[in-house]
Amino acid sequence: MPDPLDRLEDSLRTAGQDLDLSEGFQPRGMIRRVGDGVAFVVGLQNVGYEELLLFDSGASGMAYDIRRDSVGAILLTGADK
């Protein structure tokens, strides 16, 4: 029986391949700290819940903890960068 985490990883990988990134990127935030697989970013006033964030290092994350002054993003790839 396949591991549920393996299935989730496969689903995320497949979904990522279908992303249309032709609109380009607009760097607007700054990482304040990173720990335990979470990046805390400031300066993202219009970020949405579960929005994909791409970092200059090539890492990616998903916004999950949106506060007035910061966003907590779960690092999906490149956490070691």
Foldseek 3Di string as FASTA:
>chain_A
DDDPVVVVVVVVVVVVVPDDCVVDDDDFWDFPDDDPQKTKIFGCQPDDAQDWDADPVRWIWGFHADDRGITITRTDPDSVD
